[in-house]
Amino acid sequence: MLRLSLEKDTFSPDSIYDQVKHYMIAIAANGAPADVYYPVLPNSTANQLPIALMLQGALVDKADYSNYAQKVASYGFVVVVPNHERTRTGLDGQAITGFFADEQQVNDVLAQMKLEDADANSPIFEMVDTEKLGLLGHSFGAYAGLAAIQNINNPNVSCGDYTRPPELKAGIFYGANFQTPPYSGTFPLIDNQGIPIGLIAGTLDGIANFGDVATTYDKIQDTPKALIVIEGANHYSIANQDSDRDPNRPTLDQATSIGAIGRWSGLFLRAHLLGDRGLKF
């Protein structure tokens, strides 16, 4: 359930910061390149910005999430978008090498942000709240994020040695459905152990259809949780440009859909990582 406080001056859905910058790093644990987005702060305060890790959709380059990442960062987060390349076995048994999210990225990126926060030469030196981590994710990355929150080593998205860090406080995902095995039609209970989960669904998503997202939402055991629907959005409405990998074309233009998905992502994380009182799920 979602509640918006309508009292004057208590809540605004608008971005908190007007300007967002970004820089590039390599994740020390695995060498993966990553883009880091952060808001320009009018007054620098230590430990001000929680971390938001974006787990990419299968075969989607990190650059395709730049507009979305900027929007989320404008709500007061350091948003990290890595390119995590690995080889996995497809449904047809063939090996596929490309960008695929992995649960271990949660710990690897958290460790990297602690290094960045402690580095006097880093653009985000002493700005990061390294005790608060939220997850973002698209499609395959959303699946990885849901597994990571449950603290399970799912073989589709884990090399087998993942342990959930205590800093992980919430996650919100686009184009997500959690089936085990994938595409089996079997939706297990999602044991989120009190960690808030938000799901955002496009009504024209031809890959993660709304029914599957809604069923995934129903399987989330603990509240708070949220299901947010974007009319006219397809599977790639979160990315900078549409893709014909989804057979459905969106009726909502890309800039509007990214703005809506980014806005809800930022608001959800603010509610659960920063304790905003105007928005309750």
Protein backbone atom coordinates (compact mmCIF):
# COMPACT_ATOMS: atom_id res chain seq x y z
CA MET A 1 0.00 0.00 0.00
CA LEU A 2 1.18 3.52 -0.77
CA ARG A 3 0.27 6.62 1.17
CA LEU A 4 1.11 10.15 0.10
CA SER A 5 0.93 12.88 2.70
CA LEU A 6 -0.86 15.88 1.21
CA GLU A 7 -0.17 18.32 4.02
CA LYS A 8 1.43 21.52 2.80
CA ASP A 9 5.22 21.48 2.66
CA THR A 10 5.48 17.92 4.01
CA PHE A 11 6.06 16.02 0.80
CA SER A 12 7.21 16.64 -2.75
CA PRO A 13 7.90 13.94 -5.36
CA ASP A 14 10.48 16.15 -7.07
CA SER A 15 14.23 15.57 -7.12
CA ILE A 16 16.14 16.79 -4.08
CA TYR A 17 19.22 17.97 -5.98
CA ASP A 18 19.40 19.88 -9.26
CA GLN A 19 22.79 18.73 -10.52
CA VAL A 20 24.25 15.23 -10.82
CA LYS A 21 27.81 14.36 -11.82
CA HIS A 22 29.43 11.06 -12.60
CA TYR A 23 32.86 9.46 -12.88
CA MET A 24 34.22 6.03 -13.80
CA ILE A 25 35.99 3.47 -11.64
CA ALA A 26 37.03 -0.17 -11.71
CA ILE A 27 35.65 -2.47 -9.01
CA ALA A 28 38.76 -3.75 -7.25
CA ALA A 29 37.36 -7.21 -6.47
CA ASN A 30 36.70 -8.17 -10.08
CA GLY A 31 38.06 -5.41 -12.33
CA ALA A 32 34.61 -4.55 -13.69
CA PRO A 33 34.22 -0.99 -15.00
CA ALA A 34 31.50 1.03 -13.31
CA ASP A 35 29.89 4.44 -13.58
CA VAL A 36 29.27 6.32 -10.34
CA TYR A 37 26.57 9.01 -10.23
CA TYR A 38 26.26 11.43 -7.33
CA PRO A 39 24.44 14.72 -6.65
CA VAL A 40 26.23 18.01 -6.23
CA LEU A 41 25.69 18.96 -2.59
CA PRO A 42 25.22 22.61 -1.60
CA ASN A 43 26.76 21.83 1.78
CA SER A 44 29.03 18.87 2.21
CA THR A 45 28.05 16.71 5.18
CA ALA A 46 29.86 13.51 6.06
CA ASN A 47 27.99 10.24 5.47
CA GLN A 48 25.14 12.04 3.71
CA LEU A 49 24.51 9.82 0.65
CA PRO A 50 23.48 6.15 0.86
CA ILE A 51 24.62 3.73 -1.87
CA ALA A 52 22.31 2.43 -4.60
CA LEU A 53 23.71 -0.43 -6.70
CA MET A 54 22.13 -0.89 -10.14
CA LEU A 55 22.17 -4.54 -11.27
CA GLN A 56 21.94 -4.50 -15.07
CA GLY A 57 19.59 -6.48 -17.25
CA ALA A 58 21.05 -9.30 -19.33
CA LEU A 59 23.27 -7.99 -22.15
CA VAL A 60 22.39 -4.35 -21.40
CA ASP A 61 25.40 -2.02 -21.22
CA LYS A 62 25.76 0.22 -18.16
CA ALA A 63 25.70 3.30 -20.40
CA ASP A 64 22.07 2.54 -21.29
CA TYR A 65 21.09 3.28 -17.69
CA SER A 66 22.74 6.70 -17.48
CA ASN A 67 19.50 8.72 -17.55
CA TYR A 68 17.83 6.45 -15.00
CA ALA A 69 20.88 6.51 -12.73
CA GLN A 70 21.04 10.31 -12.85
CA LYS A 71 17.39 10.52 -11.86
CA VAL A 72 17.83 8.22 -8.87
CA ALA A 73 21.01 10.03 -7.80
CA SER A 74 19.09 13.32 -7.80
CA TYR A 75 17.12 12.00 -4.83
CA GLY A 76 20.27 11.84 -2.73
CA PHE A 77 22.14 8.65 -3.55
CA VAL A 78 25.48 7.50 -4.88
CA VAL A 79 24.33 5.26 -7.73
CA VAL A 80 26.82 2.65 -8.95
CA VAL A 81 26.24 0.99 -12.34
CA PRO A 82 28.82 -1.71 -13.16
CA ASN A 83 29.33 -3.72 -16.33
CA HIS A 84 29.61 -7.24 -14.95
CA GLU A 85 30.75 -9.60 -17.71
CA ARG A 86 30.68 -13.36 -17.29
CA THR A 87 29.77 -16.56 -19.14
CA ARG A 88 26.63 -18.49 -18.30
CA THR A 89 24.64 -21.32 -19.88
CA GLY A 90 21.51 -20.30 -21.76
CA LEU A 91 18.21 -22.16 -21.85
CA ASP A 92 19.35 -23.96 -25.02
CA GLY A 93 22.48 -25.24 -23.29
CA GLN A 94 24.82 -22.91 -25.17
CA ALA A 95 27.41 -20.78 -23.38
CA ILE A 96 26.73 -17.05 -23.54
CA THR A 97 29.32 -14.42 -22.65
CA GLY A 98 28.06 -10.94 -21.92
CA PHE A 99 26.76 -8.62 -19.24
CA PHE A 100 25.03 -10.62 -16.51
CA ALA A 101 24.46 -9.50 -12.94
CA ASP A 102 25.70 -11.58 -10.00
CA GLU A 103 24.79 -11.48 -6.32
CA GLN A 104 28.42 -11.10 -5.29
CA GLN A 105 28.38 -7.62 -6.84
CA VAL A 106 26.50 -6.50 -3.72
CA ASN A 107 29.52 -7.14 -1.51
CA ASP A 108 32.09 -6.12 -4.12
CA VAL A 109 30.48 -2.73 -4.77
CA LEU A 110 29.90 -2.07 -1.08
CA ALA A 111 33.60 -2.69 -0.41
CA GLN A 112 34.56 -0.42 -3.31
CA MET A 113 32.35 2.42 -2.04
CA LYS A 114 34.02 2.19 1.35
CA LEU A 115 37.34 2.66 -0.42
CA GLU A 116 36.01 5.59 -2.46
CA ASP A 117 34.60 7.28 0.63
CA ALA A 118 37.97 7.00 2.38
CA ASP A 119 40.03 8.20 -0.61
CA ALA A 120 40.85 11.91 -0.42
CA ASN A 121 41.22 11.97 -4.22
CA SER A 122 37.75 10.57 -4.82
CA PRO A 123 34.93 12.90 -5.94
CA ILE A 124 32.74 11.36 -3.21
CA PHE A 125 35.32 11.54 -0.42
CA GLU A 126 33.56 11.40 2.98
CA MET A 127 30.14 11.91 1.37
CA VAL A 128 28.91 8.29 1.40
CA ASP A 129 26.82 6.64 4.08
CA THR A 130 28.50 3.24 3.78
CA GLU A 131 26.13 1.74 6.37
CA LYS A 132 23.15 2.01 4.01
CA LEU A 133 22.90 0.14 0.71
CA GLY A 134 19.87 -0.12 -1.55
CA LEU A 135 19.49 -2.25 -4.66
CA LEU A 136 18.13 -1.28 -8.06
CA GLY A 137 17.75 -3.79 -10.84
CA HIS A 138 16.33 -4.46 -14.28
CA SER A 139 15.12 -7.84 -15.54
CA PHE A 140 17.95 -10.37 -14.96
CA GLY A 141 19.48 -7.90 -12.53
CA ALA A 142 16.18 -7.66 -10.68
CA TYR A 143 16.20 -11.45 -10.31
CA ALA A 144 19.72 -11.23 -8.87
CA GLY A 145 18.62 -8.48 -6.50
CA LEU A 146 15.66 -10.47 -5.23
CA ALA A 147 17.92 -13.45 -4.61
CA ALA A 148 20.48 -11.26 -2.84
CA ILE A 149 17.86 -9.82 -0.50
CA GLN A 150 16.78 -13.36 0.45
CA ASN A 151 20.40 -14.30 1.22
CA ILE A 152 20.25 -17.35 -1.03
CA ASN A 153 22.88 -18.52 -3.49
CA ASN A 154 20.71 -18.94 -6.56
CA PRO A 155 22.77 -20.79 -9.20
CA ASN A 156 21.40 -18.58 -11.98
CA VAL A 157 22.89 -15.44 -10.43
CA SER A 158 25.52 -16.60 -7.94
CA CYS A 159 28.89 -18.31 -8.04
CA GLY A 160 28.00 -19.88 -4.70
CA ASP A 161 29.72 -17.82 -2.03
CA TYR A 162 27.37 -14.87 -1.52
CA THR A 163 26.39 -13.71 1.98
CA ARG A 164 24.06 -10.76 2.42
CA PRO A 165 25.76 -7.80 4.11
CA PRO A 166 23.96 -6.11 7.03
CA GLU A 167 24.20 -2.81 5.16
CA LEU A 168 21.60 -3.99 2.60
CA LYS A 169 18.40 -2.23 3.67
CA ALA A 170 15.98 -2.18 0.67
CA GLY A 171 15.55 -2.91 -3.04
CA ILE A 172 13.33 -1.72 -5.86
CA PHE A 173 13.30 -3.39 -9.27
CA TYR A 174 11.91 -2.92 -12.77
CA GLY A 175 10.75 -5.72 -15.07
CA ALA A 176 11.18 -8.32 -12.34
CA ASN A 177 9.71 -11.75 -11.91
CA PHE A 178 11.09 -14.44 -9.65
CA GLN A 179 10.48 -17.95 -10.95
CA THR A 180 12.45 -21.06 -9.95
CA PRO A 181 13.64 -22.42 -12.30
CA PRO A 182 13.36 -19.38 -14.61
CA TYR A 183 10.38 -19.47 -17.00
CA SER A 184 9.00 -22.51 -15.15
CA GLY A 185 5.78 -20.88 -14.01
CA THR A 186 6.69 -21.75 -10.43
CA PHE A 187 6.85 -18.71 -8.13
CA PRO A 188 8.39 -19.51 -4.75
CA LEU A 189 7.79 -17.49 -1.61
CA ILE A 190 10.19 -14.56 -1.34
CA ASP A 191 11.62 -14.58 2.17
CA ASN A 192 12.73 -10.96 2.36
CA GLN A 193 13.17 -11.11 6.16
CA GLY A 194 11.79 -7.63 6.73
CA ILE A 195 13.80 -5.93 3.98
CA PRO A 196 11.46 -3.63 2.00
CA ILE A 197 10.97 -4.55 -1.67
CA GLY A 198 9.39 -2.46 -4.41
CA LEU A 199 8.48 -3.75 -7.88
CA ILE A 200 7.79 -1.48 -10.86
CA ALA A 201 5.95 -2.97 -13.83
CA GLY A 202 5.23 -1.72 -17.33
CA THR A 203 1.80 -2.58 -18.72
CA LEU A 204 3.31 -3.31 -22.16
CA ASP A 205 6.26 -5.38 -20.91
CA GLY A 206 6.52 -8.32 -23.31
CA ILE A 207 9.29 -10.11 -21.39
CA ALA A 208 8.33 -9.72 -17.73
CA ASN A 209 4.58 -9.39 -18.23
CA PHE A 210 2.49 -7.66 -15.63
CA GLY A 211 0.88 -10.88 -14.43
CA ASP A 212 4.27 -12.40 -13.58
CA VAL A 213 5.39 -9.24 -11.80
CA ALA A 214 2.14 -9.14 -9.82
CA THR A 215 2.51 -12.81 -8.84
CA THR A 216 6.09 -12.13 -7.73
CA TYR A 217 4.80 -9.24 -5.62
CA ASP A 218 2.18 -11.48 -3.99
CA LYS A 219 4.94 -13.93 -3.01
CA ILE A 220 6.90 -11.30 -1.04
CA GLN A 221 6.33 -12.38 2.54
CA ASP A 222 7.10 -9.32 4.62
CA THR A 223 5.93 -5.74 4.41
CA PRO A 224 6.65 -2.99 3.63
CA LYS A 225 6.38 -3.75 -0.07
CA ALA A 226 5.07 -1.90 -3.11
CA LEU A 227 3.84 -2.64 -6.64
CA ILE A 228 3.94 0.36 -8.96
CA VAL A 229 2.49 0.25 -12.47
CA ILE A 230 3.69 2.43 -15.37
CA GLU A 231 1.05 2.62 -18.11
CA GLY A 232 2.43 2.26 -21.64
CA ALA A 233 5.93 1.15 -20.61
CA ASN A 234 7.63 -1.96 -22.03
CA HIS A 235 10.60 -3.98 -20.79
CA TYR A 236 13.20 -1.44 -21.91
CA SER A 237 11.41 1.72 -20.80
CA ILE A 238 14.03 2.04 -18.03
CA ALA A 239 16.89 2.26 -20.56
CA ASN A 240 18.02 5.22 -22.65
CA GLN A 241 16.53 3.64 -25.75
CA ASP A 242 13.97 0.98 -26.62
CA SER A 243 15.00 -2.48 -27.85
CA ASP A 244 13.29 -4.86 -30.25
CA ARG A 245 14.20 -7.70 -27.89
CA ASP A 246 10.81 -6.84 -26.42
CA PRO A 247 8.20 -7.56 -29.13
CA ASN A 248 5.96 -4.80 -27.73
CA ARG A 249 6.54 -1.16 -28.50
CA PRO A 250 5.89 1.32 -25.69
CA THR A 251 3.25 4.02 -26.02
CA LEU A 252 4.98 6.12 -23.37
CA ASP A 253 8.00 8.07 -24.60
CA GLN A 254 11.38 7.06 -23.19
CA ALA A 255 12.11 10.27 -21.29
CA THR A 256 8.76 10.17 -19.50
CA SER A 257 9.04 6.50 -18.58
CA ILE A 258 12.62 6.87 -17.29
CA GLY A 259 11.54 9.87 -15.26
CA ALA A 260 8.65 7.95 -13.70
CA ILE A 261 10.67 4.79 -12.98
CA GLY A 262 13.56 6.83 -11.60
CA ARG A 263 11.26 8.97 -9.47
CA TRP A 264 9.55 5.98 -7.84
CA SER A 265 12.91 4.26 -7.34
CA GLY A 266 14.34 7.32 -5.60
CA LEU A 267 11.27 7.86 -3.44
CA PHE A 268 11.13 4.22 -2.36
CA LEU A 269 14.78 4.21 -1.34
CA ARG A 270 14.42 7.53 0.46
CA ALA A 271 11.50 6.13 2.44
CA HIS A 272 13.45 3.09 3.59
CA LEU A 273 17.09 4.24 3.67
CA LEU A 274 16.59 7.83 4.79
CA GLY A 275 13.32 7.58 6.68
CA ASP A 276 11.33 10.13 4.69
CA ARG A 277 7.96 10.46 6.46
CA GLY A 278 5.95 11.93 3.60
CA LEU A 279 5.95 8.65 1.67
CA LYS A 280 4.87 5.42 3.33
CA PHE A 281 4.63 2.00 1.70
